[in-house]
Structures are given as structure tokens and as C-alpha cells.
């Protein structure tokens, strides 16, 4: 799908002006890669120090309705059988700052 120059000029006059009056300068923008990131239950579990903390996080998320009862049970079983570190290495404060920098 394309748009003719006349349609662009008529429908989007400011955009047309910006495109056609380009000075040839390069512009750069910075994109915030972390914007809009919503951590999952696994992200929260990776911050736990002990299995008990992991159980508390699962209970909390289940009570809030963030995870289903079935998923909560499977997470509890995994913590009980394999431990909290089975979800990955511990995430320390500043993890996402470093990741999305």
C-alpha cells in the first residue's frame, strides 16, 4: 500500500513539510528498550533467596489472580523437587538496568 505525494501533502501536511525540508542532517533517537517490560512470575522467583520465599511469591501471585491454580501447583512442585535455583540464577538489584542499558 502506498500513498501519493499529493495525498501525503493533503492528509499529513506537517509530516510532508518535515520530510521535504530535510537539511540532510542525520538524527538519532534513543529507544528505551526496557519500556513496557512486565516481569513474569519466573522473574520474581529468580529474585528469591530461599525456597520458602519462592512459595510465598507463588501464593501471593495466585491470590491476586496473576497465575492460575494449576500453574501455581506446578511451580510449587518444581520448587519442592528442584529448588528455587531451578528457575535460573539469582537476579540481583540492578539486573534490568544492566540488561536494558
Protein backbone atom coordinates (compact mmCIF):
# COMPACT_ATOMS: atom_id res chain seq x y z
CA UNK A 1 0.00 0.00 0.00
CA UNK A 2 1.42 3.35 -0.99
CA UNK A 3 0.45 6.96 -0.82
CA UNK A 4 1.00 9.60 -3.46
CA UNK A 5 2.90 12.78 -2.73
CA UNK A 6 -0.27 14.83 -3.18
CA UNK A 7 -2.20 12.65 -0.73
CA UNK A 8 0.65 12.89 1.76
CA UNK A 9 0.72 16.67 1.40
CA UNK A 10 -3.06 16.95 1.77
CA UNK A 11 -3.59 14.43 4.61
CA UNK A 12 -0.37 14.93 6.56
CA UNK A 13 0.88 18.46 5.88
CA UNK A 14 3.28 18.64 8.84
CA UNK A 15 4.83 15.28 8.03
CA UNK A 16 5.17 16.29 4.37
CA UNK A 17 6.88 19.53 5.42
CA UNK A 18 9.27 17.65 7.70
CA UNK A 19 10.18 15.13 5.00
CA UNK A 20 10.68 17.63 2.19
CA UNK A 21 12.53 20.25 4.21
CA UNK A 22 15.16 17.81 5.42
CA UNK A 23 18.52 19.52 5.85
CA UNK A 24 20.40 16.32 5.21
CA UNK A 25 21.38 16.05 8.86
CA UNK A 26 21.37 12.67 10.47
CA UNK A 27 19.19 12.40 13.51
CA UNK A 28 19.44 9.76 16.15
CA UNK A 29 16.96 8.73 18.74
CA UNK A 30 17.40 6.70 21.87
CA UNK A 31 14.94 3.86 22.37
CA UNK A 32 14.19 2.77 25.92
CA UNK A 33 14.38 -1.00 25.44
CA UNK A 34 13.01 -1.69 28.89
CA UNK A 35 9.89 0.41 28.45
CA UNK A 36 6.75 -1.65 28.75
CA UNK A 37 8.53 -4.73 30.10
CA UNK A 38 6.33 -6.63 32.53
CA UNK A 39 8.16 -9.21 34.66
CA UNK A 40 6.71 -12.70 34.80
CA UNK A 41 6.39 -14.94 37.84
CA UNK A 42 9.68 -16.57 36.82
CA UNK A 43 11.42 -13.18 37.03
CA UNK A 44 10.10 -12.75 40.57
CA UNK A 45 11.13 -16.28 41.56
CA UNK A 46 14.66 -15.64 40.31
CA UNK A 47 14.94 -12.84 42.90
CA UNK A 48 14.18 -15.20 45.79
CA UNK A 49 16.92 -16.35 48.16
CA UNK A 50 15.16 -19.40 49.59
CA UNK A 51 12.57 -21.97 48.58
CA UNK A 52 10.27 -20.55 51.28
CA UNK A 53 10.38 -17.12 49.63
CA UNK A 54 9.51 -18.81 46.34
CA UNK A 55 6.45 -20.47 47.88
CA UNK A 56 5.36 -17.09 49.27
CA UNK A 57 5.68 -15.44 45.85
CA UNK A 58 3.65 -18.21 44.21
CA UNK A 59 0.95 -17.94 46.91
CA UNK A 60 0.79 -14.16 46.51
CA UNK A 61 0.53 -14.28 42.71
CA UNK A 62 -2.14 -16.98 42.88
CA UNK A 63 -4.22 -14.98 45.40
CA UNK A 64 -4.01 -11.90 43.16
CA UNK A 65 -5.19 -13.93 40.18
CA UNK A 66 -1.95 -13.33 38.27
CA UNK A 67 -1.46 -17.08 37.77
CA UNK A 68 -3.88 -20.00 37.65
CA UNK A 69 -4.25 -22.56 40.42
CA UNK A 70 -2.89 -25.28 38.13
CA UNK A 71 0.21 -23.22 37.22
CA UNK A 72 0.77 -22.33 40.89
CA UNK A 73 0.68 -26.02 41.82
CA UNK A 74 3.21 -26.88 39.12
CA UNK A 75 5.53 -24.09 40.33
CA UNK A 76 5.26 -25.28 43.94
CA UNK A 77 6.06 -28.83 42.84
CA UNK A 78 9.12 -27.64 40.92
CA UNK A 79 10.37 -25.62 43.90
CA UNK A 80 9.85 -28.59 46.23
CA UNK A 81 11.60 -31.07 43.91
CA UNK A 82 14.36 -28.98 42.31
CA UNK A 83 14.68 -25.86 44.45
CA UNK A 84 14.33 -22.18 43.70
CA UNK A 85 17.54 -22.04 41.62
CA UNK A 86 15.94 -24.37 39.06
CA UNK A 87 14.31 -21.20 37.68
CA UNK A 88 17.70 -19.65 36.93
CA UNK A 89 20.48 -17.85 38.70
CA UNK A 90 19.64 -15.25 41.32
CA UNK A 91 18.82 -11.82 39.97
CA UNK A 92 20.32 -9.02 41.97
CA UNK A 93 19.14 -5.41 42.25
CA UNK A 94 20.01 -3.52 39.07
CA UNK A 95 19.64 -6.61 36.84
CA UNK A 96 17.18 -4.96 34.45
CA UNK A 97 19.09 -1.69 34.44
CA UNK A 98 22.15 -3.57 33.17
CA UNK A 99 20.12 -5.75 30.80
CA UNK A 100 18.29 -2.92 29.07
CA UNK A 101 21.12 -0.40 29.03
